[in-house]
Amino acid sequence: MESKISQGNLYDFYGEMLNEHQREVYEDFVLNDLSLGEIASDRGISRQAVHDLVKRATKQLEEYEAKLHLIEKFVNVRGKIKQINNLCELDDGEDYKKAMDEIKDIANDILEEL
């Protein structure tokens, strides 16, 4: 299951960099959850060809992430935004001032990362 989620994330960020045929097959396998046999039957190719295409496309998408780190940056920024949301829940008082200072630090970290 985690692999499908990972593949979905890779596709969301880098799918447009695949050629049309790769995109269509990858979408059928990862997003539409079709089996290798179903895809092979629909496209008139072998199950092995579908397997190889999905494997190559996944490797290509992983290489893009290794070079560009867009998913990693997205996950980091999302985590920092969750921290900010949690800090915004505090009431007035000394904790509020400290929270505002932390929010500024986190916001600066996000700006530096982008």
C-alpha atoms as a PDB file:
ATOM      1  CA  MET A   1       0.000   0.000   0.000  1.00  0.00           C
ATOM      2  CA  GLU A   2       2.772   2.432   0.893  1.00  0.00           C
ATOM      3  CA  SER A   3       4.342   1.798  -2.493  1.00  0.00           C
ATOM      4  CA  LYS A   4       1.147   2.866  -4.294  1.00  0.00           C
ATOM      5  CA  ILE A   5       1.039   6.046  -2.199  1.00  0.00           C
ATOM      6  CA  SER A   6       4.679   6.744  -2.983  1.00  0.00           C
ATOM      7  CA  GLN A   7       4.080   6.078  -6.676  1.00  0.00           C
ATOM      8  CA  GLY A   8       1.044   8.376  -6.601  1.00  0.00           C
ATOM      9  CA  ASN A   9       3.115  11.160  -5.063  1.00  0.00           C
ATOM     10  CA  LEU A  10       5.847  10.679  -7.645  1.00  0.00           C
ATOM     11  CA  TYR A  11       3.256  10.853 -10.392  1.00  0.00           C
ATOM     12  CA  ASP A  12       1.618  13.968  -8.934  1.00  0.00           C
ATOM     13  CA  PHE A  13       4.909  15.841  -8.936  1.00  0.00           C
ATOM     14  CA  TYR A  14       6.677  14.450 -11.992  1.00  0.00           C
ATOM     15  CA  GLY A  15       4.105  12.595 -14.107  1.00  0.00           C
ATOM     16  CA  GLU A  16       4.048  15.257 -16.790  1.00  0.00           C
ATOM     17  CA  MET A  17       7.680  14.433 -17.520  1.00  0.00           C
ATOM     18  CA  LEU A  18       6.717  10.961 -18.762  1.00  0.00           C
ATOM     19  CA  ASN A  19       5.699  10.435 -22.363  1.00  0.00           C
ATOM     20  CA  GLU A  20       2.002   9.984 -23.123  1.00  0.00           C
ATOM     21  CA  HIS A  21       2.109   6.171 -23.323  1.00  0.00           C
ATOM     22  CA  GLN A  22       4.019   5.900 -20.047  1.00  0.00           C
ATOM     23  CA  ARG A  23       1.581   8.309 -18.366  1.00  0.00           C
ATOM     24  CA  GLU A  24      -1.473   6.399 -19.512  1.00  0.00           C
ATOM     25  CA  VAL A  25      -0.168   3.006 -18.405  1.00  0.00           C
ATOM     26  CA  TYR A  26       1.211   4.396 -15.140  1.00  0.00           C
ATOM     27  CA  GLU A  27      -2.119   6.105 -14.387  1.00  0.00           C
ATOM     28  CA  ASP A  28      -4.012   2.884 -15.060  1.00  0.00           C
ATOM     29  CA  PHE A  29      -1.753   0.919 -12.728  1.00  0.00           C
ATOM     30  CA  VAL A  30      -1.203   3.426  -9.922  1.00  0.00           C
ATOM     31  CA  LEU A  31      -4.192   5.764  -9.956  1.00  0.00           C
ATOM     32  CA  ASN A  32      -6.924   3.583 -11.463  1.00  0.00           C
ATOM     33  CA  ASP A  33      -5.656   0.470  -9.644  1.00  0.00           C
ATOM     34  CA  LEU A  34      -5.956  -1.786 -12.672  1.00  0.00           C
ATOM     35  CA  SER A  35      -4.018  -5.054 -12.671  1.00  0.00           C
ATOM     36  CA  LEU A  36      -1.145  -5.728 -15.035  1.00  0.00           C
ATOM     37  CA  GLY A  37      -3.371  -8.212 -16.865  1.00  0.00           C
ATOM     38  CA  GLU A  38      -6.214  -5.715 -17.264  1.00  0.00           C
ATOM     39  CA  ILE A  39      -3.876  -3.064 -18.640  1.00  0.00           C
ATOM     40  CA  ALA A  40      -2.190  -5.564 -20.945  1.00  0.00           C
ATOM     41  CA  SER A  41      -5.557  -6.727 -22.287  1.00  0.00           C
ATOM     42  CA  ASP A  42      -6.805  -3.166 -22.827  1.00  0.00           C
ATOM     43  CA  ARG A  43      -3.634  -2.114 -24.661  1.00  0.00           C
ATOM     44  CA  GLY A  44      -2.915  -5.307 -26.566  1.00  0.00           C
ATOM     45  CA  ILE A  45       0.498  -5.836 -24.962  1.00  0.00           C
ATOM     46  CA  SER A  46       1.893  -8.468 -22.615  1.00  0.00           C
ATOM     47  CA  ARG A  47       1.710  -8.349 -18.818  1.00  0.00           C
ATOM     48  CA  GLN A  48       5.514  -8.349 -18.815  1.00  0.00           C
ATOM     49  CA  ALA A  49       5.586  -5.274 -21.045  1.00  0.00           C
ATOM     50  CA  VAL A  50       3.230  -3.463 -18.661  1.00  0.00           C
ATOM     51  CA  HIS A  51       5.320  -4.545 -15.661  1.00  0.00           C
ATOM     52  CA  ASP A  52       8.532  -3.362 -17.311  1.00  0.00           C
ATOM     53  CA  LEU A  53       6.979  -0.043 -18.327  1.00  0.00           C
ATOM     54  CA  VAL A  54       5.687   0.652 -14.814  1.00  0.00           C
ATOM     55  CA  LYS A  55       9.044  -0.340 -13.324  1.00  0.00           C
ATOM     56  CA  ARG A  56      10.992   1.907 -15.732  1.00  0.00           C
ATOM     57  CA  ALA A  57       8.599   4.825 -15.232  1.00  0.00           C
ATOM     58  CA  THR A  58       8.828   4.485 -11.447  1.00  0.00           C
ATOM     59  CA  LYS A  59      12.615   4.459 -11.654  1.00  0.00           C
ATOM     60  CA  GLN A  60      12.552   7.548 -13.883  1.00  0.00           C
ATOM     61  CA  LEU A  61      10.231   9.385 -11.476  1.00  0.00           C
ATOM     62  CA  GLU A  62      12.418   8.393  -8.503  1.00  0.00           C
ATOM     63  CA  GLU A  63      15.451   9.802 -10.330  1.00  0.00           C
ATOM     64  CA  TYR A  64      13.634  13.109 -10.813  1.00  0.00           C
ATOM     65  CA  GLU A  65      12.894  13.223  -7.082  1.00  0.00           C
ATOM     66  CA  ALA A  66      16.517  12.355  -6.250  1.00  0.00           C
ATOM     67  CA  LYS A  67      17.645  15.344  -8.320  1.00  0.00           C
ATOM     68  CA  LEU A  68      14.913  17.873  -7.584  1.00  0.00           C
ATOM     69  CA  HIS A  69      13.655  16.922  -4.087  1.00  0.00           C
ATOM     70  CA  LEU A  70      10.233  18.483  -4.712  1.00  0.00           C
ATOM     71  CA  ILE A  71       8.329  15.879  -2.680  1.00  0.00           C
ATOM     72  CA  GLU A  72      10.807  16.131   0.174  1.00  0.00           C
ATOM     73  CA  LYS A  73      10.456  19.921   0.210  1.00  0.00           C
ATOM     74  CA  PHE A  74       6.670  19.669   0.057  1.00  0.00           C
ATOM     75  CA  VAL A  75       6.562  17.270   3.017  1.00  0.00           C
ATOM     76  CA  ASN A  76       8.885  19.522   5.031  1.00  0.00           C
ATOM     77  CA  VAL A  77       6.841  22.653   4.317  1.00  0.00           C
ATOM     78  CA  ARG A  78       3.580  20.829   5.122  1.00  0.00           C
ATOM     79  CA  GLY A  79       5.028  19.738   8.478  1.00  0.00           C
ATOM     80  CA  LYS A  80       6.074  23.292   9.265  1.00  0.00           C
ATOM     81  CA  ILE A  81       2.632  24.611   8.389  1.00  0.00           C
ATOM     82  CA  LYS A  82       1.114  22.062  10.786  1.00  0.00           C
ATOM     83  CA  GLN A  83       3.473  23.387  13.473  1.00  0.00           C
ATOM     84  CA  ILE A  84       2.289  26.927  12.755  1.00  0.00           C
ATOM     85  CA  ASN A  85      -1.355  25.845  12.966  1.00  0.00           C
ATOM     86  CA  ASN A  86      -0.712  24.192  16.335  1.00  0.00           C
ATOM     87  CA  LEU A  87       1.036  27.298  17.629  1.00  0.00           C
ATOM     88  CA  CYS A  88      -1.890  29.465  16.523  1.00  0.00           C
ATOM     89  CA  GLU A  89      -4.168  27.529  18.888  1.00  0.00           C
ATOM     90  CA  LEU A  90      -2.513  29.043  21.979  1.00  0.00           C
ATOM     91  CA  ASP A  91      -4.279  31.677  24.100  1.00  0.00           C
ATOM     92  CA  ASP A  92      -2.957  35.133  24.962  1.00  0.00           C
ATOM     93  CA  GLY A  93      -0.191  35.491  27.488  1.00  0.00           C
ATOM     94  CA  GLU A  94       3.493  34.770  27.652  1.00  0.00           C
ATOM     95  CA  ASP A  95       3.021  31.538  25.715  1.00  0.00           C
ATOM     96  CA  TYR A  96       1.421  33.579  22.941  1.00  0.00           C
ATOM     97  CA  LYS A  97       4.514  35.783  22.538  1.00  0.00           C
ATOM     98  CA  LYS A  98       6.751  32.727  22.500  1.00  0.00           C
ATOM     99  CA  ALA A  99       4.463  31.083  19.931  1.00  0.00           C
ATOM    100  CA  MET A 100       4.628  34.146  17.676  1.00  0.00           C
ATOM    101  CA  ASP A 101       8.434  34.041  17.827  1.00  0.00           C
ATOM    102  CA  GLU A 102       8.369  30.345  16.871  1.00  0.00           C
ATOM    103  CA  ILE A 103       5.954  31.078  14.016  1.00  0.00           C
ATOM    104  CA  LYS A 104       8.332  33.730  12.684  1.00  0.00           C
ATOM    105  CA  ASP A 105      11.247  31.276  12.883  1.00  0.00           C
ATOM    106  CA  ILE A 106       9.272  28.569  11.097  1.00  0.00           C
ATOM    107  CA  ALA A 107       8.092  31.028   8.424  1.00  0.00           C
ATOM    108  CA  ASN A 108      11.696  32.105   7.834  1.00  0.00           C
ATOM    109  CA  ASP A 109      12.735  28.436   7.519  1.00  0.00           C
ATOM    110  CA  ILE A 110      10.001  27.913   4.907  1.00  0.00           C
ATOM    111  CA  LEU A 111      11.090  30.988   2.950  1.00  0.00           C
ATOM    112  CA  GLU A 112      14.717  29.836   2.965  1.00  0.00           C
ATOM    113  CA  GLU A 113      13.685  26.367   1.801  1.00  0.00           C
ATOM    114  CA  LEU A 114      11.697  27.734  -1.124  1.00  0.00           C
END
